[in-house]
All heavy atoms as atom14 arrays in JSON, in Angstrom:
{
  "sequence": "ELEMGLLLGQRDGFVSMFYPSYPTAYYEELGINLDT",
  "atom14_mask": [
    [1, 1, 1, 1, 1, 1, 1, 1, 1, 0, 0, 0, 0, 0],
    [1, 1, 1, 1, 1, 1, 1, 1, 0, 0, 0, 0, 0, 0],
    [1, 1, 1, 1, 1, 1, 1, 1, 1, 0, 0, 0, 0, 0],
    [1, 1, 1, 1, 1, 1, 1, 1, 0, 0, 0, 0, 0, 0],
    [1, 1, 1, 1, 0, 0, 0, 0, 0, 0, 0, 0, 0, 0],
    [1, 1, 1, 1, 1, 1, 1, 1, 0, 0, 0, 0, 0, 0],
    [1, 1, 1, 1, 1, 1, 1, 1, 0, 0, 0, 0, 0, 0],
    [1, 1, 1, 1, 1, 1, 1, 1, 0, 0, 0, 0, 0, 0],
    [1, 1, 1, 1, 0, 0, 0, 0, 0, 0, 0, 0, 0, 0],
    [1, 1, 1, 1, 1, 1, 1, 1, 1, 0, 0, 0, 0, 0],
    [1, 1, 1, 1, 1, 1, 1, 1, 1, 1, 1, 0, 0, 0],
    [1, 1, 1, 1, 1, 1, 1, 1, 0, 0, 0, 0, 0, 0],
    [1, 1, 1, 1, 0, 0, 0, 0, 0, 0, 0, 0, 0, 0],
    [1, 1, 1, 1, 1, 1, 1, 1, 1, 1, 1, 0, 0, 0],
    [1, 1, 1, 1, 1, 1, 1, 0, 0, 0, 0, 0, 0, 0],
    [1, 1, 1, 1, 1, 1, 0, 0, 0, 0, 0, 0, 0, 0],
    [1, 1, 1, 1, 1, 1, 1, 1, 0, 0, 0, 0, 0, 0],
    [1, 1, 1, 1, 1, 1, 1, 1, 1, 1, 1, 0, 0, 0],
    [1, 1, 1, 1, 1, 1, 1, 1, 1, 1, 1, 1, 0, 0],
    [1, 1, 1, 1, 1, 1, 1, 0, 0, 0, 0, 0, 0, 0],
    [1, 1, 1, 1, 1, 1, 0, 0, 0, 0, 0, 0, 0, 0],
    [1, 1, 1, 1, 1, 1, 1, 1, 1, 1, 1, 1, 0, 0],
    [1, 1, 1, 1, 1, 1, 1, 0, 0, 0, 0, 0, 0, 0],
    [1, 1, 1, 1, 1, 1, 1, 0, 0, 0, 0, 0, 0, 0],
    [1, 1, 1, 1, 1, 0, 0, 0, 0, 0, 0, 0, 0, 0],
    [1, 1, 1, 1, 1, 1, 1, 1, 1, 1, 1, 1, 0, 0],
    [1, 1, 1, 1, 1, 1, 1, 1, 1, 1, 1, 1, 0, 0],
    [1, 1, 1, 1, 1, 1, 1, 1, 1, 0, 0, 0, 0, 0],
    [1, 1, 1, 1, 1, 1, 1, 1, 1, 0, 0, 0, 0, 0],
    [1, 1, 1, 1, 1, 1, 1, 1, 0, 0, 0, 0, 0, 0],
    [1, 1, 1, 1, 0, 0, 0, 0, 0, 0, 0, 0, 0, 0],
    [1, 1, 1, 1, 1, 1, 1, 1, 0, 0, 0, 0, 0, 0],
    [1, 1, 1, 1, 1, 1, 1, 1, 0, 0, 0, 0, 0, 0],
    [1, 1, 1, 1, 1, 1, 1, 1, 0, 0, 0, 0, 0, 0],
    [1, 1, 1, 1, 1, 1, 1, 1, 0, 0, 0, 0, 0, 0],
    [1, 1, 1, 1, 1, 1, 1, 0, 0, 0, 0, 0, 0, 0]
  ],
  "atom14_positions": [
    [[-25.17, 67.53, -16.19], [-25.2, 68.05, -17.51], [-24.34, 67.24, -18.55], [-24.72, 66.95, -19.67], [-24.75, 69.53, -17.67], [-25.82, 70.43, -16.9], [-25.24, 71.67, -16.41], [-23.99, 71.68, -16.16], [-25.98, 72.58, -16.06], [0.0, 0.0, 0.0], [0.0, 0.0, 0.0], [0.0, 0.0, 0.0], [0.0, 0.0, 0.0], [0.0, 0.0, 0.0]],
    [[-23.29, 66.68, -18.05], [-22.46, 65.71, -18.77], [-23.25, 64.53, -19.15], [-23.32, 64.04, -20.35], [-21.22, 65.4, -17.98], [-20.35, 64.23, -18.59], [-19.79, 64.52, -19.98], [-19.23, 63.79, -17.67], [0.0, 0.0, 0.0], [0.0, 0.0, 0.0], [0.0, 0.0, 0.0], [0.0, 0.0, 0.0], [0.0, 0.0, 0.0], [0.0, 0.0, 0.0]],
    [[-24.02, 63.95, -18.19], [-24.81, 62.83, -18.44], [-25.99, 63.1, -19.5], [-26.26, 62.26, -20.31], [-25.48, 62.32, -17.15], [-24.57, 61.33, -16.48], [-25.26, 60.6, -15.33], [-26.51, 60.43, -15.28], [-24.62, 60.24, -14.4], [0.0, 0.0, 0.0], [0.0, 0.0, 0.0], [0.0, 0.0, 0.0], [0.0, 0.0, 0.0], [0.0, 0.0, 0.0]],
    [[-26.43, 64.33, -19.45], [-27.5, 64.69, -20.43], [-26.88, 64.54, -21.91], [-27.59, 63.93, -22.72], [-27.98, 66.04, -20.21], [-28.9, 66.3, -19.2], [-29.47, 67.96, -19.13], [-28.96, 68.45, -17.45], [0.0, 0.0, 0.0], [0.0, 0.0, 0.0], [0.0, 0.0, 0.0], [0.0, 0.0, 0.0], [0.0, 0.0, 0.0], [0.0, 0.0, 0.0]],
    [[-25.7, 65.09, -22.03], [-25.06, 64.98, -23.39], [-24.81, 63.54, -23.71], [-25.05, 63.07, -24.87], [0.0, 0.0, 0.0], [0.0, 0.0, 0.0], [0.0, 0.0, 0.0], [0.0, 0.0, 0.0], [0.0, 0.0, 0.0], [0.0, 0.0, 0.0], [0.0, 0.0, 0.0], [0.0, 0.0, 0.0], [0.0, 0.0, 0.0], [0.0, 0.0, 0.0]],
    [[-24.42, 62.61, -22.83], [-24.03, 61.28, -23.08], [-25.23, 60.61, -23.44], [-25.31, 59.62, -24.33], [-23.26, 60.74, -21.85], [-21.84, 61.21, -21.56], [-21.31, 60.64, -20.32], [-20.92, 61.12, -22.77], [0.0, 0.0, 0.0], [0.0, 0.0, 0.0], [0.0, 0.0, 0.0], [0.0, 0.0, 0.0], [0.0, 0.0, 0.0], [0.0, 0.0, 0.0]],
    [[-26.35, 60.8, -22.64], [-27.57, 60.13, -22.88], [-28.29, 60.39, -24.21], [-28.97, 59.68, -24.81], [-28.61, 60.44, -21.68], [-28.26, 59.72, -20.47], [-29.18, 60.27, -19.37], [-28.27, 58.24, -20.43], [0.0, 0.0, 0.0], [0.0, 0.0, 0.0], [0.0, 0.0, 0.0], [0.0, 0.0, 0.0], [0.0, 0.0, 0.0], [0.0, 0.0, 0.0]],
    [[-27.94, 61.61, -24.77], [-28.36, 61.91, -26.06], [-27.43, 61.41, -27.17], [-27.52, 61.72, -28.41], [-28.39, 63.42, -26.25], [-29.55, 64.08, -25.36], [-29.4, 65.59, -25.41], [-30.91, 63.7, -25.95], [0.0, 0.0, 0.0], [0.0, 0.0, 0.0], [0.0, 0.0, 0.0], [0.0, 0.0, 0.0], [0.0, 0.0, 0.0], [0.0, 0.0, 0.0]],
    [[-26.41, 60.59, -26.73], [-25.59, 59.9, -27.71], [-24.53, 60.81, -28.32], [-23.95, 60.59, -29.44], [0.0, 0.0, 0.0], [0.0, 0.0, 0.0], [0.0, 0.0, 0.0], [0.0, 0.0, 0.0], [0.0, 0.0, 0.0], [0.0, 0.0, 0.0], [0.0, 0.0, 0.0], [0.0, 0.0, 0.0], [0.0, 0.0, 0.0], [0.0, 0.0, 0.0]],
    [[-24.08, 61.86, -27.58], [-23.15, 62.83, -28.11], [-21.75, 62.7, -27.44], [-21.12, 63.71, -27.26], [-23.79, 64.22, -28.02], [-24.98, 64.49, -28.65], [-24.89, 64.14, -30.17], [-23.96, 64.63, -30.87], [-25.8, 63.36, -30.76], [0.0, 0.0, 0.0], [0.0, 0.0, 0.0], [0.0, 0.0, 0.0], [0.0, 0.0, 0.0], [0.0, 0.0, 0.0]],
    [[-21.35, 61.57, -27.1], [-20.05, 61.35, -26.4], [-18.83, 61.97, -27.15], [-17.95, 62.62, -26.72], [-19.77, 59.93, -26.07], [-18.48, 59.77, -25.35], [-18.25, 58.37, -25.07], [-17.97, 57.6, -26.3], [-17.67, 56.3, -26.35], [-17.67, 55.55, -25.33], [-17.42, 55.78, -27.55], [0.0, 0.0, 0.0], [0.0, 0.0, 0.0], [0.0, 0.0, 0.0]],
    [[-18.84, 61.74, -28.52], [-17.74, 62.22, -29.28], [-17.6, 63.69, -29.4], [-16.48, 64.17, -29.65], [-17.8, 61.62, -30.7], [-17.66, 60.04, -30.7], [-17.0, 59.61, -29.71], [-18.09, 59.41, -31.63], [0.0, 0.0, 0.0], [0.0, 0.0, 0.0], [0.0, 0.0, 0.0], [0.0, 0.0, 0.0], [0.0, 0.0, 0.0], [0.0, 0.0, 0.0]],
    [[-18.63, 64.43, -29.21], [-18.66, 65.91, -29.36], [-18.32, 66.62, -28.06], [-18.22, 67.92, -28.05], [0.0, 0.0, 0.0], [0.0, 0.0, 0.0], [0.0, 0.0, 0.0], [0.0, 0.0, 0.0], [0.0, 0.0, 0.0], [0.0, 0.0, 0.0], [0.0, 0.0, 0.0], [0.0, 0.0, 0.0], [0.0, 0.0, 0.0], [0.0, 0.0, 0.0]],
    [[-18.04, 65.82, -27.0], [-17.71, 66.49, -25.67], [-16.37, 67.13, -25.7], [-15.43, 66.4, -25.91], [-17.83, 65.4, -24.63], [-17.41, 65.69, -23.24], [-17.93, 66.9, -22.59], [-16.57, 64.91, -22.51], [-17.57, 67.16, -21.35], [-16.23, 65.34, -21.13], [-16.7, 66.41, -20.6], [0.0, 0.0, 0.0], [0.0, 0.0, 0.0], [0.0, 0.0, 0.0]],
    [[-16.32, 68.43, -25.5], [-15.06, 69.12, -25.59], [-14.58, 69.94, -24.41], [-13.43, 70.21, -24.25], [-14.98, 70.19, -26.88], [-15.21, 69.36, -28.16], [-16.08, 71.15, -26.8], [0.0, 0.0, 0.0], [0.0, 0.0, 0.0], [0.0, 0.0, 0.0], [0.0, 0.0, 0.0], [0.0, 0.0, 0.0], [0.0, 0.0, 0.0], [0.0, 0.0, 0.0]],
    [[-15.52, 70.25, -23.5], [-15.1, 71.06, -22.42], [-15.95, 70.76, -21.07], [-17.13, 70.27, -21.22], [-15.24, 72.65, -22.71], [-16.64, 72.94, -22.8], [0.0, 0.0, 0.0], [0.0, 0.0, 0.0], [0.0, 0.0, 0.0], [0.0, 0.0, 0.0], [0.0, 0.0, 0.0], [0.0, 0.0, 0.0], [0.0, 0.0, 0.0], [0.0, 0.0, 0.0]],
    [[-15.42, 71.01, -19.96], [-16.1, 70.85, -18.73], [-15.67, 71.89, -17.63], [-14.62, 72.56, -17.84], [-15.83, 69.38, -18.22], [-14.32, 69.08, -18.12], [-14.15, 67.4, -17.93], [-13.01, 67.26, -16.57], [0.0, 0.0, 0.0], [0.0, 0.0, 0.0], [0.0, 0.0, 0.0], [0.0, 0.0, 0.0], [0.0, 0.0, 0.0], [0.0, 0.0, 0.0]],
    [[-16.44, 71.97, -16.6], [-16.13, 72.97, -15.6], [-14.97, 72.59, -14.61], [-14.03, 73.32, -14.48], [-17.44, 73.22, -14.79], [-17.92, 74.66, -14.86], [-17.88, 75.41, -15.96], [-18.32, 75.27, -13.77], [-18.44, 76.61, -16.11], [-18.88, 76.47, -13.73], [-18.96, 77.21, -14.91], [0.0, 0.0, 0.0], [0.0, 0.0, 0.0], [0.0, 0.0, 0.0]],
    [[-15.25, 71.43, -14.09], [-14.35, 70.98, -12.99], [-13.16, 70.24, -13.45], [-13.13, 69.71, -14.59], [-15.18, 70.19, -11.96], [-16.35, 70.85, -11.53], [-17.64, 70.66, -12.02], [-16.27, 71.88, -10.52], [-18.76, 71.24, -11.5], [-17.35, 72.58, -10.07], [-18.59, 72.27, -10.55], [-19.66, 73.0, -10.17], [0.0, 0.0, 0.0], [0.0, 0.0, 0.0]],
    [[-12.09, 70.21, -12.68], [-10.83, 69.51, -13.08], [-11.0, 68.01, -13.39], [-10.32, 67.44, -14.15], [-9.93, 69.64, -11.81], [-10.46, 70.82, -11.11], [-11.88, 70.91, -11.42], [0.0, 0.0, 0.0], [0.0, 0.0, 0.0], [0.0, 0.0, 0.0], [0.0, 0.0, 0.0], [0.0, 0.0, 0.0], [0.0, 0.0, 0.0], [0.0, 0.0, 0.0]],
    [[-12.09, 67.46, -12.74], [-12.31, 66.0, -13.04], [-13.79, 65.69, -12.64], [-14.41, 66.41, -11.79], [-11.45, 65.05, -12.2], [-11.69, 65.18, -10.78], [0.0, 0.0, 0.0], [0.0, 0.0, 0.0], [0.0, 0.0, 0.0], [0.0, 0.0, 0.0], [0.0, 0.0, 0.0], [0.0, 0.0, 0.0], [0.0, 0.0, 0.0], [0.0, 0.0, 0.0]],
    [[-14.28, 64.65, -13.26], [-15.74, 64.07, -12.98], [-15.5, 62.65, -12.61], [-14.63, 61.95, -13.03], [-16.61, 64.2, -14.25], [-17.04, 65.57, -14.68], [-17.03, 65.95, -16.04], [-17.44, 66.53, -13.64], [-17.54, 67.18, -16.36], [-17.9, 67.71, -14.09], [-17.88, 68.1, -15.41], [-18.36, 69.32, -15.81], [0.0, 0.0, 0.0], [0.0, 0.0, 0.0]],
    [[-16.41, 62.24, -11.77], [-16.39, 60.71, -11.47], [-16.79, 59.94, -12.68], [-17.85, 60.21, -13.29], [-17.42, 60.66, -10.33], [-18.28, 61.87, -10.38], [-17.49, 62.94, -11.1], [0.0, 0.0, 0.0], [0.0, 0.0, 0.0], [0.0, 0.0, 0.0], [0.0, 0.0, 0.0], [0.0, 0.0, 0.0], [0.0, 0.0, 0.0], [0.0, 0.0, 0.0]],
    [[-15.95, 59.02, -13.03], [-16.28, 58.25, -14.3], [-16.25, 56.81, -14.05], [-16.51, 56.07, -14.98], [-15.17, 58.55, -15.39], [-13.91, 58.3, -14.8], [-15.13, 60.0, -15.85], [0.0, 0.0, 0.0], [0.0, 0.0, 0.0], [0.0, 0.0, 0.0], [0.0, 0.0, 0.0], [0.0, 0.0, 0.0], [0.0, 0.0, 0.0], [0.0, 0.0, 0.0]],
    [[-16.09, 56.35, -12.81], [-16.05, 54.92, -12.47], [-17.3, 54.15, -13.06], [-17.21, 53.12, -13.58], [-15.84, 54.67, -11.09], [0.0, 0.0, 0.0], [0.0, 0.0, 0.0], [0.0, 0.0, 0.0], [0.0, 0.0, 0.0], [0.0, 0.0, 0.0], [0.0, 0.0, 0.0], [0.0, 0.0, 0.0], [0.0, 0.0, 0.0], [0.0, 0.0, 0.0]],
    [[-18.48, 54.73, -12.82], [-19.69, 54.08, -13.24], [-19.85, 54.01, -14.76], [-20.38, 53.17, -15.29], [-20.98, 54.78, -12.66], [-21.04, 56.3, -12.81], [-21.72, 56.78, -13.87], [-20.58, 57.0, -11.77], [-21.83, 58.18, -14.0], [-20.76, 58.39, -11.86], [-21.28, 58.99, -13.04], [-21.51, 60.35, -13.07], [0.0, 0.0, 0.0], [0.0, 0.0, 0.0]],
    [[-19.26, 55.0, -15.5], [-19.17, 54.9, -16.98], [-18.37, 53.63, -17.42], [-18.63, 52.88, -18.21], [-18.7, 56.14, -17.65], [-19.52, 57.35, -17.45], [-19.01, 58.45, -16.71], [-20.8, 57.4, -17.87], [-19.83, 59.6, -16.51], [-21.61, 58.44, -17.61], [-21.04, 59.55, -17.0], [-21.95, 60.56, -16.82], [0.0, 0.0, 0.0], [0.0, 0.0, 0.0]],
    [[-17.21, 53.5, -16.71], [-16.24, 52.36, -17.04], [-16.95, 51.01, -16.78], [-16.73, 50.13, -17.54], [-15.03, 52.5, -16.22], [-14.14, 53.74, -16.63], [-13.09, 54.18, -15.7], [-12.77, 53.4, -14.75], [-12.42, 55.21, -15.85], [0.0, 0.0, 0.0], [0.0, 0.0, 0.0], [0.0, 0.0, 0.0], [0.0, 0.0, 0.0], [0.0, 0.0, 0.0]],
    [[-17.78, 50.96, -15.74], [-18.52, 49.77, -15.36], [-19.43, 49.38, -16.56], [-19.8, 48.23, -16.74], [-19.2, 49.87, -14.04], [-18.28, 49.73, -12.87], [-19.07, 49.66, -11.56], [-20.18, 49.15, -11.55], [-18.46, 50.21, -10.61], [0.0, 0.0, 0.0], [0.0, 0.0, 0.0], [0.0, 0.0, 0.0], [0.0, 0.0, 0.0], [0.0, 0.0, 0.0]],
    [[-19.98, 50.45, -17.18], [-20.94, 50.19, -18.32], [-20.23, 49.98, -19.61], [-20.85, 49.85, -20.6], [-21.9, 51.44, -18.4], [-22.78, 51.61, -17.16], [-23.49, 52.93, -17.35], [-23.8, 50.45, -17.11], [0.0, 0.0, 0.0], [0.0, 0.0, 0.0], [0.0, 0.0, 0.0], [0.0, 0.0, 0.0], [0.0, 0.0, 0.0], [0.0, 0.0, 0.0]],
    [[-18.97, 50.01, -19.55], [-18.12, 49.82, -20.87], [-17.97, 51.1, -21.72], [-17.63, 51.1, -22.86], [0.0, 0.0, 0.0], [0.0, 0.0, 0.0], [0.0, 0.0, 0.0], [0.0, 0.0, 0.0], [0.0, 0.0, 0.0], [0.0, 0.0, 0.0], [0.0, 0.0, 0.0], [0.0, 0.0, 0.0], [0.0, 0.0, 0.0], [0.0, 0.0, 0.0]],
    [[-18.27, 52.24, -20.99], [-18.08, 53.53, -21.78], [-16.76, 54.14, -21.4], [-16.49, 54.53, -20.23], [-19.35, 54.48, -21.39], [-20.53, 53.9, -21.79], [-19.11, 55.87, -22.11], [-21.79, 54.58, -21.19], [0.0, 0.0, 0.0], [0.0, 0.0, 0.0], [0.0, 0.0, 0.0], [0.0, 0.0, 0.0], [0.0, 0.0, 0.0], [0.0, 0.0, 0.0]],
    [[-15.89, 54.37, -22.41], [-14.61, 55.0, -22.24], [-14.79, 56.52, -22.44], [-15.02, 57.0, -23.51], [-13.6, 54.48, -23.21], [-12.21, 55.15, -22.91], [-11.94, 55.65, -21.92], [-11.39, 55.09, -23.98], [0.0, 0.0, 0.0], [0.0, 0.0, 0.0], [0.0, 0.0, 0.0], [0.0, 0.0, 0.0], [0.0, 0.0, 0.0], [0.0, 0.0, 0.0]],
    [[-14.71, 57.25, -21.31], [-14.92, 58.69, -21.3], [-13.57, 59.41, -20.91], [-13.25, 59.32, -19.79], [-16.07, 59.09, -20.23], [-16.33, 60.55, -20.29], [-17.04, 60.94, -21.64], [-17.5, 60.76, -19.24], [0.0, 0.0, 0.0], [0.0, 0.0, 0.0], [0.0, 0.0, 0.0], [0.0, 0.0, 0.0], [0.0, 0.0, 0.0], [0.0, 0.0, 0.0]],
    [[-13.05, 59.94, -21.94], [-11.78, 60.59, -21.69], [-12.04, 62.1, -21.25], [-12.38, 62.96, -22.02], [-10.97, 60.7, -23.05], [-9.78, 61.61, -22.94], [-9.19, 61.78, -21.88], [-9.35, 62.13, -23.96], [0.0, 0.0, 0.0], [0.0, 0.0, 0.0], [0.0, 0.0, 0.0], [0.0, 0.0, 0.0], [0.0, 0.0, 0.0], [0.0, 0.0, 0.0]],
    [[-11.77, 62.38, -19.93], [-11.97, 63.71, -19.45], [-10.66, 64.44, -19.39], [-10.65, 65.71, -19.13], [-12.64, 63.62, -18.04], [-11.91, 62.9, -17.16], [-14.03, 63.06, -18.09], [0.0, 0.0, 0.0], [0.0, 0.0, 0.0], [0.0, 0.0, 0.0], [0.0, 0.0, 0.0], [0.0, 0.0, 0.0], [0.0, 0.0, 0.0], [0.0, 0.0, 0.0]]
  ]
}
């Protein structure tokens, strides 16, 4: 569901998540800084 929002171009509006952390290494490889 996180990816759905990101693919829709809504990274800046991301405010909450279920789990304590999400795997973000592949975002970093793509040059996307995702602050969880």
